[in-house]
Amino acid sequence: MAAHGEKRQSKATVDSVRSRMRSVAEASGLTQEEIGVRMGFSQQSARKAVSRLLNAETYDPRLSTLVAFADAVGKPLSDLM
């Protein structure tokens, strides 16, 4: 079980990555729907999936999701860290 300070640090890390993802998404010139389709989501769910990824405070994405996002916007994963 993580200590309280570790949870705060982990949340800060996730928040930092999420902020960088939003910046990279904006700089890509792609819509959330376009990013989502490139990530493999259906046209109908693409925008909602990316919006959740970029904005949901309680959502903690898997590494494979972050890799798919980085590939979709044409950036290396390290640009999100």
PDB file of N, CA and C in Angstrom:
ATOM      1  N   MET A   1       0.841  -1.180   0.000  1.00  0.00           N
ATOM      2  CA  MET A   1       0.000   0.000   0.000  1.00  0.00           C
ATOM      3  C   MET A   1       0.887   1.245   0.000  1.00  0.00           C
ATOM      4  N   ALA A   2       0.574   2.182  -0.868  1.00  0.00           N
ATOM      5  CA  ALA A   2       1.380   3.399  -1.004  1.00  0.00           C
ATOM      6  C   ALA A   2       1.106   4.355   0.150  1.00  0.00           C
ATOM      7  N   ALA A   3       2.147   4.999   0.602  1.00  0.00           N
ATOM      8  CA  ALA A   3       2.009   6.001   1.653  1.00  0.00           C
ATOM      9  C   ALA A   3       1.338   7.229   1.074  1.00  0.00           C
ATOM     10  N   HIS A   4       0.788   8.061   1.942  1.00  0.00           N
ATOM     11  CA  HIS A   4       0.053   9.257   1.508  1.00  0.00           C
ATOM     12  C   HIS A   4       0.913  10.166   0.637  1.00  0.00           C
ATOM     13  N   GLY A   5       2.155  10.381   0.992  1.00  0.00           N
ATOM     14  CA  GLY A   5       3.059  11.229   0.210  1.00  0.00           C
ATOM     15  C   GLY A   5       3.337  10.649  -1.171  1.00  0.00           C
ATOM     16  N   GLU A   6       3.408   9.313  -1.246  1.00  0.00           N
ATOM     17  CA  GLU A   6       3.630   8.658  -2.536  1.00  0.00           C
ATOM     18  C   GLU A   6       2.434   8.841  -3.452  1.00  0.00           C
ATOM     19  N   LYS A   7       1.232   8.818  -2.892  1.00  0.00           N
ATOM     20  CA  LYS A   7       0.019   9.027  -3.687  1.00  0.00           C
ATOM     21  C   LYS A   7       0.004  10.441  -4.258  1.00  0.00           C
ATOM     22  N   ARG A   8       0.402  11.422  -3.454  1.00  0.00           N
ATOM     23  CA  ARG A   8       0.446  12.807  -3.946  1.00  0.00           C
ATOM     24  C   ARG A   8       1.461  12.940  -5.065  1.00  0.00           C
ATOM     25  N   GLN A   9       2.632  12.324  -4.900  1.00  0.00           N
ATOM     26  CA  GLN A   9       3.669  12.387  -5.919  1.00  0.00           C
ATOM     27  C   GLN A   9       3.186  11.695  -7.195  1.00  0.00           C
ATOM     28  N   SER A  10       2.542  10.561  -7.058  1.00  0.00           N
ATOM     29  CA  SER A  10       2.022   9.832  -8.203  1.00  0.00           C
ATOM     30  C   SER A  10       0.976  10.662  -8.932  1.00  0.00           C
ATOM     31  N   LYS A  11       0.071  11.298  -8.200  1.00  0.00           N
ATOM     32  CA  LYS A  11      -0.957  12.145  -8.809  1.00  0.00           C
ATOM     33  C   LYS A  11      -0.315  13.316  -9.524  1.00  0.00           C
ATOM     34  N   ALA A  12       0.701  13.904  -8.928  1.00  0.00           N
ATOM     35  CA  ALA A  12       1.394  15.028  -9.561  1.00  0.00           C
ATOM     36  C   ALA A  12       2.058  14.584 -10.858  1.00  0.00           C
ATOM     37  N   THR A  13       2.614  13.383 -10.875  1.00  0.00           N
ATOM     38  CA  THR A  13       3.238  12.855 -12.085  1.00  0.00           C
ATOM     39  C   THR A  13       2.200  12.641 -13.174  1.00  0.00           C
ATOM     40  N   VAL A  14       1.082  12.021 -12.822  1.00  0.00           N
ATOM     41  CA  VAL A  14       0.006  11.791 -13.790  1.00  0.00           C
ATOM     42  C   VAL A  14      -0.521  13.128 -14.309  1.00  0.00           C
ATOM     43  N   ASP A  15      -0.704  14.094 -13.428  1.00  0.00           N
ATOM     44  CA  ASP A  15      -1.190  15.420 -13.845  1.00  0.00           C
ATOM     45  C   ASP A  15      -0.205  16.086 -14.802  1.00  0.00           C
ATOM     46  N   SER A  16       1.085  15.937 -14.543  1.00  0.00           N
ATOM     47  CA  SER A  16       2.111  16.513 -15.403  1.00  0.00           C
ATOM     48  C   SER A  16       2.087  15.869 -16.785  1.00  0.00           C
ATOM     49  N   VAL A  17       1.984  14.548 -16.832  1.00  0.00           N
ATOM     50  CA  VAL A  17       1.925  13.841 -18.111  1.00  0.00           C
ATOM     51  C   VAL A  17       0.666  14.253 -18.861  1.00  0.00           C
ATOM     52  N   ARG A  18      -0.459  14.324 -18.168  1.00  0.00           N
ATOM     53  CA  ARG A  18      -1.728  14.715 -18.803  1.00  0.00           C
ATOM     54  C   ARG A  18      -1.624  16.126 -19.387  1.00  0.00           C
ATOM     55  N   SER A  19      -0.969  17.035 -18.688  1.00  0.00           N
ATOM     56  CA  SER A  19      -0.778  18.403 -19.177  1.00  0.00           C
ATOM     57  C   SER A  19       0.074  18.407 -20.447  1.00  0.00           C
ATOM     58  N   ARG A  20       1.136  17.622 -20.448  1.00  0.00           N
ATOM     59  CA  ARG A  20       1.987  17.533 -21.643  1.00  0.00           C
ATOM     60  C   ARG A  20       1.232  16.921 -22.806  1.00  0.00           C
ATOM     61  N   MET A  21       0.395  15.934 -22.504  1.00  0.00           N
ATOM     62  CA  MET A  21      -0.406  15.318 -23.563  1.00  0.00           C
ATOM     63  C   MET A  21      -1.347  16.337 -24.192  1.00  0.00           C
ATOM     64  N   ARG A  22      -1.969  17.168 -23.373  1.00  0.00           N
ATOM     65  CA  ARG A  22      -2.860  18.206 -23.911  1.00  0.00           C
ATOM     66  C   ARG A  22      -2.082  19.161 -24.810  1.00  0.00           C
ATOM     67  N   SER A  23      -0.889  19.557 -24.382  1.00  0.00           N
ATOM     68  CA  SER A  23      -0.060  20.463 -25.186  1.00  0.00           C
ATOM     69  C   SER A  23       0.345  19.826 -26.508  1.00  0.00           C
ATOM     70  N   VAL A  24       0.760  18.563 -26.452  1.00  0.00           N
ATOM     71  CA  VAL A  24       1.167  17.847 -27.659  1.00  0.00           C
ATOM     72  C   VAL A  24      -0.029  17.679 -28.597  1.00  0.00           C
ATOM     73  N   ALA A  25      -1.190  17.379 -28.043  1.00  0.00           N
ATOM     74  CA  ALA A  25      -2.396  17.212 -28.862  1.00  0.00           C
ATOM     75  C   ALA A  25      -2.732  18.517 -29.582  1.00  0.00           C
ATOM     76  N   GLU A  26      -2.685  19.629 -28.863  1.00  0.00           N
ATOM     77  CA  GLU A  26      -2.974  20.928 -29.476  1.00  0.00           C
ATOM     78  C   GLU A  26      -1.957  21.262 -30.562  1.00  0.00           C
ATOM     79  N   ALA A  27      -0.697  21.027 -30.273  1.00  0.00           N
ATOM     80  CA  ALA A  27       0.370  21.336 -31.235  1.00  0.00           C
ATOM     81  C   ALA A  27       0.303  20.453 -32.480  1.00  0.00           C
ATOM     82  N   SER A  28      -0.302  19.287 -32.372  1.00  0.00           N
ATOM     83  CA  SER A  28      -0.378  18.370 -33.512  1.00  0.00           C
ATOM     84  C   SER A  28      -1.300  18.892 -34.611  1.00  0.00           C
ATOM     85  N   GLY A  29      -2.223  19.765 -34.239  1.00  0.00           N
ATOM     86  CA  GLY A  29      -3.191  20.268 -35.210  1.00  0.00           C
ATOM     87  C   GLY A  29      -4.309  19.281 -35.503  1.00  0.00           C
ATOM     88  N   LEU A  30      -4.312  18.153 -34.820  1.00  0.00           N
ATOM     89  CA  LEU A  30      -5.350  17.139 -35.008  1.00  0.00           C
ATOM     90  C   LEU A  30      -6.491  17.366 -34.036  1.00  0.00           C
ATOM     91  N   THR A  31      -7.691  16.982 -34.436  1.00  0.00           N
ATOM     92  CA  THR A  31      -8.825  17.024 -33.516  1.00  0.00           C
ATOM     93  C   THR A  31      -8.740  15.819 -32.585  1.00  0.00           C
ATOM     94  N   GLN A  32      -9.483  15.870 -31.508  1.00  0.00           N
ATOM     95  CA  GLN A  32      -9.524  14.719 -30.608  1.00  0.00           C
ATOM     96  C   GLN A  32     -10.068  13.502 -31.340  1.00  0.00           C
ATOM     97  N   GLU A  33     -11.017  13.701 -32.217  1.00  0.00           N
ATOM     98  CA  GLU A  33     -11.564  12.585 -32.988  1.00  0.00           C
ATOM     99  C   GLU A  33     -10.493  11.970 -33.885  1.00  0.00           C
ATOM    100  N   GLU A  34      -9.717  12.802 -34.557  1.00  0.00           N
ATOM    101  CA  GLU A  34      -8.655  12.290 -35.425  1.00  0.00           C
ATOM    102  C   GLU A  34      -7.606  11.517 -34.630  1.00  0.00           C
ATOM    103  N   ILE A  35      -7.231  12.041 -33.473  1.00  0.00           N
ATOM    104  CA  ILE A  35      -6.261  11.340 -32.619  1.00  0.00           C
ATOM    105  C   ILE A  35      -6.833   9.995 -32.194  1.00  0.00           C
ATOM    106  N   GLY A  36      -8.078   9.997 -31.758  1.00  0.00           N
ATOM    107  CA  GLY A  36      -8.713   8.762 -31.312  1.00  0.00           C
ATOM    108  C   GLY A  36      -8.799   7.708 -32.394  1.00  0.00           C
ATOM    109  N   VAL A  37      -9.134   8.118 -33.611  1.00  0.00           N
ATOM    110  CA  VAL A  37      -9.192   7.166 -34.723  1.00  0.00           C
ATOM    111  C   VAL A  37      -7.804   6.607 -34.999  1.00  0.00           C
ATOM    112  N   ARG A  38      -6.789   7.469 -34.958  1.00  0.00           N
ATOM    113  CA  ARG A  38      -5.416   7.003 -35.163  1.00  0.00           C
ATOM    114  C   ARG A  38      -4.979   6.045 -34.059  1.00  0.00           C
ATOM    115  N   MET A  39      -5.564   6.203 -32.866  1.00  0.00           N
ATOM    116  CA  MET A  39      -5.243   5.309 -31.755  1.00  0.00           C
ATOM    117  C   MET A  39      -5.961   3.970 -31.869  1.00  0.00           C
ATOM    118  N   GLY A  40      -6.931   3.889 -32.776  1.00  0.00           N
ATOM    119  CA  GLY A  40      -7.642   2.633 -32.969  1.00  0.00           C
ATOM    120  C   GLY A  40      -9.068   2.614 -32.468  1.00  0.00           C
ATOM    121  N   PHE A  41      -9.549   3.745 -31.980  1.00  0.00           N
ATOM    122  CA  PHE A  41     -10.939   3.813 -31.532  1.00  0.00           C
ATOM    123  C   PHE A  41     -11.852   3.971 -32.742  1.00  0.00           C
ATOM    124  N   SER A  42     -13.098   3.555 -32.591  1.00  0.00           N
ATOM    125  CA  SER A  42     -14.066   3.735 -33.668  1.00  0.00           C
ATOM    126  C   SER A  42     -14.372   5.223 -33.826  1.00  0.00           C
ATOM    127  N   GLN A  43     -14.857   5.596 -34.993  1.00  0.00           N
ATOM    128  CA  GLN A  43     -15.218   6.989 -35.275  1.00  0.00           C
ATOM    129  C   GLN A  43     -16.204   7.509 -34.219  1.00  0.00           C
ATOM    130  N   GLN A  44     -17.116   6.653 -33.785  1.00  0.00           N
ATOM    131  CA  GLN A  44     -18.160   7.057 -32.842  1.00  0.00           C
ATOM    132  C   GLN A  44     -17.627   7.307 -31.429  1.00  0.00           C
ATOM    133  N   SER A  45     -16.589   6.603 -31.045  1.00  0.00           N
ATOM    134  CA  SER A  45     -16.100   6.738 -29.670  1.00  0.00           C
ATOM    135  C   SER A  45     -14.777   7.489 -29.560  1.00  0.00           C
ATOM    136  N   ALA A  46     -14.172   7.840 -30.679  1.00  0.00           N
ATOM    137  CA  ALA A  46     -12.820   8.403 -30.689  1.00  0.00           C
ATOM    138  C   ALA A  46     -12.700   9.699 -29.893  1.00  0.00           C
ATOM    139  N   ARG A  47     -13.564  10.676 -30.157  1.00  0.00           N
ATOM    140  CA  ARG A  47     -13.455  11.965 -29.475  1.00  0.00           C
ATOM    141  C   ARG A  47     -13.653  11.816 -27.973  1.00  0.00           C
ATOM    142  N   LYS A  48     -14.644  11.044 -27.583  1.00  0.00           N
ATOM    143  CA  LYS A  48     -14.925  10.851 -26.158  1.00  0.00           C
ATOM    144  C   LYS A  48     -13.762  10.154 -25.457  1.00  0.00           C
ATOM    145  N   ALA A  49     -13.169   9.162 -26.121  1.00  0.00           N
ATOM    146  CA  ALA A  49     -12.054   8.431 -25.521  1.00  0.00           C
ATOM    147  C   ALA A  49     -10.852   9.346 -25.298  1.00  0.00           C
ATOM    148  N   VAL A  50     -10.535  10.186 -26.275  1.00  0.00           N
ATOM    149  CA  VAL A  50      -9.389  11.085 -26.139  1.00  0.00           C
ATOM    150  C   VAL A  50      -9.690  12.184 -25.128  1.00  0.00           C
ATOM    151  N   SER A  51     -10.912  12.684 -25.115  1.00  0.00           N
ATOM    152  CA  SER A  51     -11.284  13.689 -24.126  1.00  0.00           C
ATOM    153  C   SER A  51     -11.106  13.133 -22.714  1.00  0.00           C
ATOM    154  N   ARG A  52     -11.536  11.909 -22.516  1.00  0.00           N
ATOM    155  CA  ARG A  52     -11.372  11.267 -21.196  1.00  0.00           C
ATOM    156  C   ARG A  52      -9.892  11.118 -20.858  1.00  0.00           C
ATOM    157  N   LEU A  53      -9.109  10.712 -21.829  1.00  0.00           N
ATOM    158  CA  LEU A  53      -7.671  10.531 -21.630  1.00  0.00           C
ATOM    159  C   LEU A  53      -7.003  11.841 -21.225  1.00  0.00           C
ATOM    160  N   LEU A  54      -7.403  12.936 -21.835  1.00  0.00           N
ATOM    161  CA  LEU A  54      -6.762  14.227 -21.593  1.00  0.00           C
ATOM    162  C   LEU A  54      -7.315  14.979 -20.393  1.00  0.00           C
ATOM    163  N   ASN A  55      -8.522  14.641 -19.954  1.00  0.00           N
ATOM    164  CA  ASN A  55      -9.182  15.477 -18.947  1.00  0.00           C
ATOM    165  C   ASN A  55      -9.667  14.778 -17.688  1.00  0.00           C
ATOM    166  N   ALA A  56      -9.913  13.491 -17.725  1.00  0.00           N
ATOM    167  CA  ALA A  56     -10.519  12.811 -16.573  1.00  0.00           C
ATOM    168  C   ALA A  56      -9.522  12.677 -15.430  1.00  0.00           C
ATOM    169  N   GLU A  57      -9.806  13.313 -14.341  1.00  0.00           N
ATOM    170  CA  GLU A  57      -8.913  13.297 -13.177  1.00  0.00           C
ATOM    171  C   GLU A  57      -8.776  11.907 -12.562  1.00  0.00           C
ATOM    172  N   THR A  58      -9.789  11.082 -12.698  1.00  0.00           N
ATOM    173  CA  THR A  58      -9.765   9.773 -12.054  1.00  0.00           C
ATOM    174  C   THR A  58      -9.266   8.678 -12.984  1.00  0.00           C
ATOM    175  N   TYR A  59      -9.026   9.007 -14.248  1.00  0.00           N
ATOM    176  CA  TYR A  59      -8.601   8.006 -15.228  1.00  0.00           C
ATOM    177  C   TYR A  59      -7.087   7.901 -15.226  1.00  0.00           C
ATOM    178  N   ASP A  60      -6.577   6.693 -15.044  1.00  0.00           N
ATOM    179  CA  ASP A  60      -5.141   6.436 -15.024  1.00  0.00           C
ATOM    180  C   ASP A  60      -4.830   5.498 -16.185  1.00  0.00           C
ATOM    181  N   PRO A  61      -4.385   6.051 -17.323  1.00  0.00           N
ATOM    182  CA  PRO A  61      -4.216   5.221 -18.519  1.00  0.00           C
ATOM    183  C   PRO A  61      -3.064   4.226 -18.417  1.00  0.00           C
ATOM    184  N   ARG A  62      -3.189   3.148 -19.139  1.00  0.00           N
ATOM    185  CA  ARG A  62      -2.132   2.147 -19.241  1.00  0.00           C
ATOM    186  C   ARG A  62      -1.008   2.674 -20.119  1.00  0.00           C
ATOM    187  N   LEU A  63       0.155   2.086 -19.959  1.00  0.00           N
ATOM    188  CA  LEU A  63       1.296   2.451 -20.784  1.00  0.00           C
ATOM    189  C   LEU A  63       0.976   2.257 -22.266  1.00  0.00           C
ATOM    190  N   SER A  64       0.293   1.182 -22.608  1.00  0.00           N
ATOM    191  CA  SER A  64      -0.043   0.925 -24.013  1.00  0.00           C
ATOM    192  C   SER A  64      -0.921   2.033 -24.586  1.00  0.00           C
ATOM    193  N   THR A  65      -1.774   2.625 -23.768  1.00  0.00           N
ATOM    194  CA  THR A  65      -2.609   3.745 -24.212  1.00  0.00           C
ATOM    195  C   THR A  65      -1.754   4.978 -24.462  1.00  0.00           C
ATOM    196  N   LEU A  66      -0.788   5.232 -23.589  1.00  0.00           N
ATOM    197  CA  LEU A  66       0.111   6.366 -23.780  1.00  0.00           C
ATOM    198  C   LEU A  66       0.955   6.189 -25.039  1.00  0.00           C
ATOM    199  N   VAL A  67       1.411   4.969 -25.289  1.00  0.00           N
ATOM    200  CA  VAL A  67       2.191   4.686 -26.500  1.00  0.00           C
ATOM    201  C   VAL A  67       1.327   4.921 -27.734  1.00  0.00           C
ATOM    202  N   ALA A  68       0.090   4.463 -27.713  1.00  0.00           N
ATOM    203  CA  ALA A  68      -0.815   4.658 -28.847  1.00  0.00           C
ATOM    204  C   ALA A  68      -1.073   6.145 -29.083  1.00  0.00           C
ATOM    205  N   PHE A  69      -1.226   6.910 -28.008  1.00  0.00           N
ATOM    206  CA  PHE A  69      -1.432   8.356 -28.130  1.00  0.00           C
ATOM    207  C   PHE A  69      -0.206   9.009 -28.763  1.00  0.00           C
ATOM    208  N   ALA A  70       0.975   8.679 -28.257  1.00  0.00           N
ATOM    209  CA  ALA A  70       2.210   9.256 -28.795  1.00  0.00           C
ATOM    210  C   ALA A  70       2.355   8.927 -30.280  1.00  0.00           C
ATOM    211  N   ASP A  71       2.079   7.691 -30.655  1.00  0.00           N
ATOM    212  CA  ASP A  71       2.142   7.301 -32.065  1.00  0.00           C
ATOM    213  C   ASP A  71       1.134   8.093 -32.892  1.00  0.00           C
ATOM    214  N   ALA A  72      -0.072   8.274 -32.357  1.00  0.00           N
ATOM    215  CA  ALA A  72      -1.134   8.973 -33.090  1.00  0.00           C
ATOM    216  C   ALA A  72      -0.774  10.423 -33.391  1.00  0.00           C
ATOM    217  N   VAL A  73      -0.068  11.075 -32.473  1.00  0.00           N
ATOM    218  CA  VAL A  73       0.296  12.479 -32.681  1.00  0.00           C
ATOM    219  C   VAL A  73       1.704  12.628 -33.259  1.00  0.00           C
ATOM    220  N   GLY A  74       2.348  11.495 -33.537  1.00  0.00           N
ATOM    221  CA  GLY A  74       3.653  11.518 -34.187  1.00  0.00           C
ATOM    222  C   GLY A  74       4.798  11.988 -33.310  1.00  0.00           C
ATOM    223  N   LYS A  75       4.718  11.679 -32.021  1.00  0.00           N
ATOM    224  CA  LYS A  75       5.765  12.070 -31.075  1.00  0.00           C
ATOM    225  C   LYS A  75       6.284  10.837 -30.350  1.00  0.00           C
ATOM    226  N   PRO A  76       7.530  10.887 -29.900  1.00  0.00           N
ATOM    227  CA  PRO A  76       8.019   9.783 -29.075  1.00  0.00           C
ATOM    228  C   PRO A  76       7.379   9.845 -27.680  1.00  0.00           C
ATOM    229  N   LEU A  77       7.244   8.712 -27.061  1.00  0.00           N
ATOM    230  CA  LEU A  77       6.660   8.639 -25.729  1.00  0.00           C
ATOM    231  C   LEU A  77       7.389   9.566 -24.760  1.00  0.00           C
ATOM    232  N   SER A  78       8.681   9.699 -24.928  1.00  0.00           N
ATOM    233  CA  SER A  78       9.470  10.544 -24.018  1.00  0.00           C
ATOM    234  C   SER A  78       9.016  12.002 -24.019  1.00  0.00           C
ATOM    235  N   ASP A  79       8.371  12.458 -25.087  1.00  0.00           N
ATOM    236  CA  ASP A  79       7.854  13.828 -25.126  1.00  0.00           C
ATOM    237  C   ASP A  79       6.693  14.037 -24.166  1.00  0.00           C
ATOM    238  N   LEU A  80       6.088  12.954 -23.702  1.00  0.00           N
ATOM    239  CA  LEU A  80       4.970  13.060 -22.771  1.00  0.00           C
ATOM    240  C   LEU A  80       5.421  12.984 -21.320  1.00  0.00           C
ATOM    241  N   MET A  81       6.660  12.590 -21.098  1.00  0.00           N
ATOM    242  CA  MET A  81       7.149  12.386 -19.735  1.00  0.00           C
ATOM    243  C   MET A  81       7.849  13.603 -19.201  1.00  0.00           C
TER     244      MET A  81
END
